[in-house]
C-alpha atoms as a PDB file:
ATOM      1  CA  UNK A   1     102.556  56.608  95.723  1.00  0.00           C
ATOM      2  CA  UNK A   2     102.011  53.257  93.583  1.00  0.00           C
ATOM      3  CA  UNK A   3     103.432  54.149  90.719  1.00  0.00           C
ATOM      4  CA  UNK A   4     106.447  55.192  92.051  1.00  0.00           C
ATOM      5  CA  UNK A   5     106.434  51.746  93.982  1.00  0.00           C
ATOM      6  CA  UNK A   6     105.594  50.249  91.070  1.00  0.00           C
ATOM      7  CA  UNK A   7     108.800  51.486  89.015  1.00  0.00           C
ATOM      8  CA  UNK A   8     110.989  50.793  91.814  1.00  0.00           C
ATOM      9  CA  UNK A   9     109.824  47.496  92.154  1.00  0.00           C
ATOM     10  CA  UNK A  10     110.029  46.991  87.636  1.00  0.00           C
ATOM     11  CA  UNK A  11     113.728  48.465  88.249  1.00  0.00           C
ATOM     12  CA  UNK A  12     114.862  46.507  90.475  1.00  0.00           C
ATOM     13  CA  UNK A  13     113.951  43.399  88.717  1.00  0.00           C
ATOM     14  CA  UNK A  14     115.300  44.566  85.298  1.00  0.00           C
ATOM     15  CA  UNK A  15     118.852  45.182  87.040  1.00  0.00           C
ATOM     16  CA  UNK A  16     118.349  41.781  88.815  1.00  0.00           C
ATOM     17  CA  UNK A  17     118.188  40.349  85.472  1.00  0.00           C
ATOM     18  CA  UNK A  18     121.691  42.491  84.261  1.00  0.00           C
ATOM     19  CA  UNK A  19     123.809  40.906  86.829  1.00  0.00           C
ATOM     20  CA  UNK A  20     123.737  37.450  86.302  1.00  0.00           C
ATOM     21  CA  UNK A  21     124.322  38.190  81.911  1.00  0.00           C
ATOM     22  CA  UNK A  22     127.721  39.492  82.850  1.00  0.00           C
ATOM     23  CA  UNK A  23     128.837  35.981  84.357  1.00  0.00           C
ATOM     24  CA  UNK A  24     130.337  33.415  82.785  1.00  0.00           C
ATOM     25  CA  UNK A  25     130.894  29.818  82.361  1.00  0.00           C
ATOM     26  CA  UNK A  26     134.327  28.731  81.168  1.00  0.00           C
ATOM     27  CA  UNK A  27     134.606  25.194  79.810  1.00  0.00           C
ATOM     28  CA  UNK A  28     138.293  24.109  80.980  1.00  0.00           C
ATOM     29  CA  UNK A  29     139.768  23.591  77.749  1.00  0.00           C
ATOM     30  CA  UNK A  30     137.035  24.226  75.529  1.00  0.00           C
ATOM     31  CA  UNK A  31     136.364  21.576  73.455  1.00  0.00           C
ATOM     32  CA  UNK A  32     139.215  19.649  74.417  1.00  0.00           C
ATOM     33  CA  UNK A  33     137.880  18.837  77.842  1.00  0.00           C
ATOM     34  CA  UNK A  34     139.904  17.954  81.026  1.00  0.00           C
ATOM     35  CA  UNK A  35     142.217  15.891  79.452  1.00  0.00           C
ATOM     36  CA  UNK A  36     146.077  14.902  79.423  1.00  0.00           C
ATOM     37  CA  UNK A  37     147.746  16.631  76.157  1.00  0.00           C
ATOM     38  CA  UNK A  38     145.857  20.426  76.661  1.00  0.00           C
ATOM     39  CA  UNK A  39     147.810  23.856  77.608  1.00  0.00           C
ATOM     40  CA  UNK A  40     146.111  24.582  80.321  1.00  0.00           C
ATOM     41  CA  UNK A  41     148.671  27.834  80.303  1.00  0.00           C
ATOM     42  CA  UNK A  42     147.464  28.573  76.930  1.00  0.00           C
ATOM     43  CA  UNK A  43     143.873  28.077  77.611  1.00  0.00           C
ATOM     44  CA  UNK A  44     143.649  30.702  80.552  1.00  0.00           C
ATOM     45  CA  UNK A  45     145.884  33.313  79.016  1.00  0.00           C
ATOM     46  CA  UNK A  46     143.764  36.729  78.696  1.00  0.00           C
ATOM     47  CA  UNK A  47     140.468  35.302  80.345  1.00  0.00           C
ATOM     48  CA  UNK A  48     139.570  37.424  83.079  1.00  0.00           C
ATOM     49  CA  UNK A  49     137.936  35.417  85.798  1.00  0.00           C
ATOM     50  CA  UNK A  50     135.385  37.049  87.797  1.00  0.00           C
ATOM     51  CA  UNK A  51     133.745  36.371  91.020  1.00  0.00           C
ATOM     52  CA  UNK A  52     130.344  35.028  89.788  1.00  0.00           C
ATOM     53  CA  UNK A  53     131.931  33.182  87.097  1.00  0.00           C
ATOM     54  CA  UNK A  54     131.763  29.272  87.268  1.00  0.00           C
ATOM     55  CA  UNK A  55     134.480  26.491  85.781  1.00  0.00           C
ATOM     56  CA  UNK A  56     133.190  23.610  83.839  1.00  0.00           C
ATOM     57  CA  UNK A  57     135.046  20.433  83.689  1.00  0.00           C
ATOM     58  CA  UNK A  58     134.252  17.719  81.441  1.00  0.00           C
ATOM     59  CA  UNK A  59     135.864  14.415  81.417  1.00  0.00           C
ATOM     60  CA  UNK A  60     136.399  10.674  81.608  1.00  0.00           C
ATOM     61  CA  UNK A  61     136.314   8.365  84.333  1.00  0.00           C
ATOM     62  CA  UNK A  62     140.044   7.979  84.228  1.00  0.00           C
ATOM     63  CA  UNK A  63     140.271  11.611  85.818  1.00  0.00           C
ATOM     64  CA  UNK A  64     139.258  13.160  88.121  1.00  0.00           C
ATOM     65  CA  UNK A  65     139.154  17.282  89.348  1.00  0.00           C
ATOM     66  CA  UNK A  66     140.395  18.356  92.838  1.00  0.00           C
ATOM     67  CA  UNK A  67     140.553  21.705  94.106  1.00  0.00           C
ATOM     68  CA  UNK A  68     143.882  21.789  96.356  1.00  0.00           C
ATOM     69  CA  UNK A  69     146.265  24.579  98.050  1.00  0.00           C
ATOM     70  CA  UNK A  70     148.630  25.891  96.085  1.00  0.00           C
ATOM     71  CA  UNK A  71     151.566  23.803  98.176  1.00  0.00           C
ATOM     72  CA  UNK A  72     149.493  21.014  96.780  1.00  0.00           C
ATOM     73  CA  UNK A  73     149.371  22.510  93.276  1.00  0.00           C
ATOM     74  CA  UNK A  74     153.186  22.763  93.393  1.00  0.00           C
ATOM     75  CA  UNK A  75     153.552  18.789  94.729  1.00  0.00           C
ATOM     76  CA  UNK A  76     150.466  17.922  92.406  1.00  0.00           C
ATOM     77  CA  UNK A  77     149.185  15.887  95.616  1.00  0.00           C
ATOM     78  CA  UNK A  78     145.265  15.584  96.230  1.00  0.00           C
ATOM     79  CA  UNK A  79     145.577  14.259  99.304  1.00  0.00           C
ATOM     80  CA  UNK A  80     144.380  17.042 101.062  1.00  0.00           C
ATOM     81  CA  UNK A  81     142.463  18.372  98.407  1.00  0.00           C
ATOM     82  CA  UNK A  82     139.474  21.130  99.624  1.00  0.00           C
ATOM     83  CA  UNK A  83     137.460  19.761  96.762  1.00  0.00           C
ATOM     84  CA  UNK A  84     137.019  16.016  94.544  1.00  0.00           C
ATOM     85  CA  UNK A  85     135.164  15.596  92.129  1.00  0.00           C
ATOM     86  CA  UNK A  86     134.337  12.391  90.127  1.00  0.00           C
ATOM     87  CA  UNK A  87     131.115  12.819  88.541  1.00  0.00           C
ATOM     88  CA  UNK A  88     132.446  13.123  84.848  1.00  0.00           C
ATOM     89  CA  UNK A  89     130.776  17.293  84.684  1.00  0.00           C
ATOM     90  CA  UNK A  90     131.629  19.046  87.284  1.00  0.00           C
ATOM     91  CA  UNK A  91     130.781  22.711  87.276  1.00  0.00           C
ATOM     92  CA  UNK A  92     132.957  25.132  90.205  1.00  0.00           C
ATOM     93  CA  UNK A  93     131.698  28.248  91.030  1.00  0.00           C
ATOM     94  CA  UNK A  94     133.511  31.211  91.535  1.00  0.00           C
ATOM     95  CA  UNK A  95     132.556  32.821  95.025  1.00  0.00           C
ATOM     96  CA  UNK A  96     135.421  34.830  95.998  1.00  0.00           C
ATOM     97  CA  UNK A  97     138.571  36.574  94.971  1.00  0.00           C
ATOM     98  CA  UNK A  98     141.713  34.787  95.317  1.00  0.00           C
ATOM     99  CA  UNK A  99     143.975  32.373  92.953  1.00  0.00           C
ATOM    100  CA  UNK A 100     142.333  28.832  92.939  1.00  0.00           C
ATOM    101  CA  UNK A 101     144.173  25.721  92.195  1.00  0.00           C
ATOM    102  CA  UNK A 102     143.053  22.376  90.167  1.00  0.00           C
ATOM    103  CA  UNK A 103     144.709  19.100  89.520  1.00  0.00           C
ATOM    104  CA  UNK A 104     143.836  15.589  88.092  1.00  0.00           C
ATOM    105  CA  UNK A 105     144.028  13.589  91.229  1.00  0.00           C
ATOM    106  CA  UNK A 106     144.942  10.415  89.172  1.00  0.00           C
ATOM    107  CA  UNK A 107     148.036   8.799  89.698  1.00  0.00           C
ATOM    108  CA  UNK A 108     150.546  10.558  87.434  1.00  0.00           C
ATOM    109  CA  UNK A 109     147.965  12.970  85.568  1.00  0.00           C
ATOM    110  CA  UNK A 110     148.922  16.470  87.288  1.00  0.00           C
ATOM    111  CA  UNK A 111     152.861  15.482  86.582  1.00  0.00           C
ATOM    112  CA  UNK A 112     151.919  15.289  83.078  1.00  0.00           C
ATOM    113  CA  UNK A 113     150.258  18.522  82.689  1.00  0.00           C
ATOM    114  CA  UNK A 114     146.709  18.239  84.116  1.00  0.00           C
ATOM    115  CA  UNK A 115     146.575  21.521  86.368  1.00  0.00           C
ATOM    116  CA  UNK A 116     145.178  24.703  86.258  1.00  0.00           C
ATOM    117  CA  UNK A 117     145.887  28.083  88.382  1.00  0.00           C
ATOM    118  CA  UNK A 118     143.431  30.836  88.071  1.00  0.00           C
ATOM    119  CA  UNK A 119     143.592  34.219  89.511  1.00  0.00           C
ATOM    120  CA  UNK A 120     139.686  35.296  90.666  1.00  0.00           C
ATOM    121  CA  UNK A 121     138.722  39.054  90.315  1.00  0.00           C
ATOM    122  CA  UNK A 122     135.488  40.538  92.575  1.00  0.00           C
ATOM    123  CA  UNK A 123     134.951  42.085  89.140  1.00  0.00           C
ATOM    124  CA  UNK A 124     136.042  45.784  90.298  1.00  0.00           C
ATOM    125  CA  UNK A 125     139.826  45.837  89.606  1.00  0.00           C
ATOM    126  CA  UNK A 126     142.197  45.039  86.246  1.00  0.00           C
ATOM    127  CA  UNK A 127     141.506  41.916  84.633  1.00  0.00           C
ATOM    128  CA  UNK A 128     142.878  38.990  86.654  1.00  0.00           C
ATOM    129  CA  UNK A 129     146.019  37.063  85.825  1.00  0.00           C
ATOM    130  CA  UNK A 130     146.193  33.715  85.540  1.00  0.00           C
ATOM    131  CA  UNK A 131     149.439  31.075  85.678  1.00  0.00           C
ATOM    132  CA  UNK A 132     149.426  27.194  85.318  1.00  0.00           C
ATOM    133  CA  UNK A 133     151.900  24.686  84.861  1.00  0.00           C
ATOM    134  CA  UNK A 134     150.771  22.303  81.742  1.00  0.00           C
ATOM    135  CA  UNK A 135     152.451  20.867  78.071  1.00  0.00           C
ATOM    136  CA  UNK A 136     152.894  22.715  75.321  1.00  0.00           C
ATOM    137  CA  UNK A 137     149.945  21.565  72.939  1.00  0.00           C
ATOM    138  CA  UNK A 138     147.387  24.528  72.290  1.00  0.00           C
ATOM    139  CA  UNK A 139     144.060  24.345  72.938  1.00  0.00           C
ATOM    140  CA  UNK A 140     141.715  25.349  69.871  1.00  0.00           C
ATOM    141  CA  UNK A 141     138.302  26.532  69.543  1.00  0.00           C
ATOM    142  CA  UNK A 142     136.150  23.993  67.539  1.00  0.00           C
ATOM    143  CA  UNK A 143     136.889  26.216  64.492  1.00  0.00           C
ATOM    144  CA  UNK A 144     140.818  26.202  65.250  1.00  0.00           C
ATOM    145  CA  UNK A 145     141.261  28.944  66.494  1.00  0.00           C
ATOM    146  CA  UNK A 146     141.711  30.212  70.135  1.00  0.00           C
ATOM    147  CA  UNK A 147     138.598  31.300  71.853  1.00  0.00           C
ATOM    148  CA  UNK A 148     138.070  35.020  73.214  1.00  0.00           C
ATOM    149  CA  UNK A 149     134.456  35.145  73.019  1.00  0.00           C
ATOM    150  CA  UNK A 150     134.202  34.257  77.137  1.00  0.00           C
ATOM    151  CA  UNK A 151     137.171  37.130  78.150  1.00  0.00           C
ATOM    152  CA  UNK A 152     136.500  40.360  78.712  1.00  0.00           C
ATOM    153  CA  UNK A 153     135.380  41.685  75.594  1.00  0.00           C
ATOM    154  CA  UNK A 154     132.509  39.178  75.235  1.00  0.00           C
ATOM    155  CA  UNK A 155     131.404  40.111  79.145  1.00  0.00           C
ATOM    156  CA  UNK A 156     131.560  43.874  78.018  1.00  0.00           C
ATOM    157  CA  UNK A 157     129.082  42.962  75.392  1.00  0.00           C
ATOM    158  CA  UNK A 158     126.755  41.088  77.706  1.00  0.00           C
ATOM    159  CA  UNK A 159     126.932  43.861  80.293  1.00  0.00           C
ATOM    160  CA  UNK A 160     126.183  46.599  77.395  1.00  0.00           C
ATOM    161  CA  UNK A 161     123.244  45.021  76.048  1.00  0.00           C
ATOM    162  CA  UNK A 162     121.839  44.534  79.416  1.00  0.00           C
ATOM    163  CA  UNK A 163     122.102  47.793  80.599  1.00  0.00           C
ATOM    164  CA  UNK A 164     120.464  48.516  77.560  1.00  0.00           C
ATOM    165  CA  UNK A 165     117.705  46.782  78.454  1.00  0.00           C
ATOM    166  CA  UNK A 166     117.520  48.373  81.928  1.00  0.00           C
ATOM    167  CA  UNK A 167     117.760  51.942  80.382  1.00  0.00           C
ATOM    168  CA  UNK A 168     114.871  51.407  77.693  1.00  0.00           C
ATOM    169  CA  UNK A 169     112.787  49.615  80.550  1.00  0.00           C
ATOM    170  CA  UNK A 170     113.466  52.933  83.153  1.00  0.00           C
ATOM    171  CA  UNK A 171     112.726  55.021  79.924  1.00  0.00           C
ATOM    172  CA  UNK A 172     109.419  52.947  79.418  1.00  0.00           C
ATOM    173  CA  UNK A 173     108.369  53.224  82.667  1.00  0.00           C
ATOM    174  CA  UNK A 174     109.214  57.279  82.835  1.00  0.00           C
ATOM    175  CA  UNK A 175     107.423  57.662  79.815  1.00  0.00           C
END
């Protein structure tokens, strides 16, 4: 009886370890960060944003991050922001499915392309779509190529690794 309880407890611990392994922290704009001249449409293209992931904005003191409604996103208005950040390093958890809208609150910056709209999936459906409006400069990683490691391929690899550890742990418990 005590052995069964221990096995169940260990399995629960292993599953708790696997769940966070599938979450992704997206560095908005990759190495370019949150600034004018970055094509956030290209940055977001092909990425699958899911509940449990987070967005990390890195920017200098001339900028801010404001989460806004769709109407304020379209109008580039931060006056009714749902959340406003100026700490130059902002991490925003994606806690529920739906479309999220972000702009820079500094005058003229949103109109110059510092805006991002993403659709967050609950993780059980097809990959989320993303839409943004921004300048035409393409964002690349430090190697000079578009980054795919943060998308579905990286998430699937992390999940497979985690599940392998669960299976090995369960096999060790049973054997």
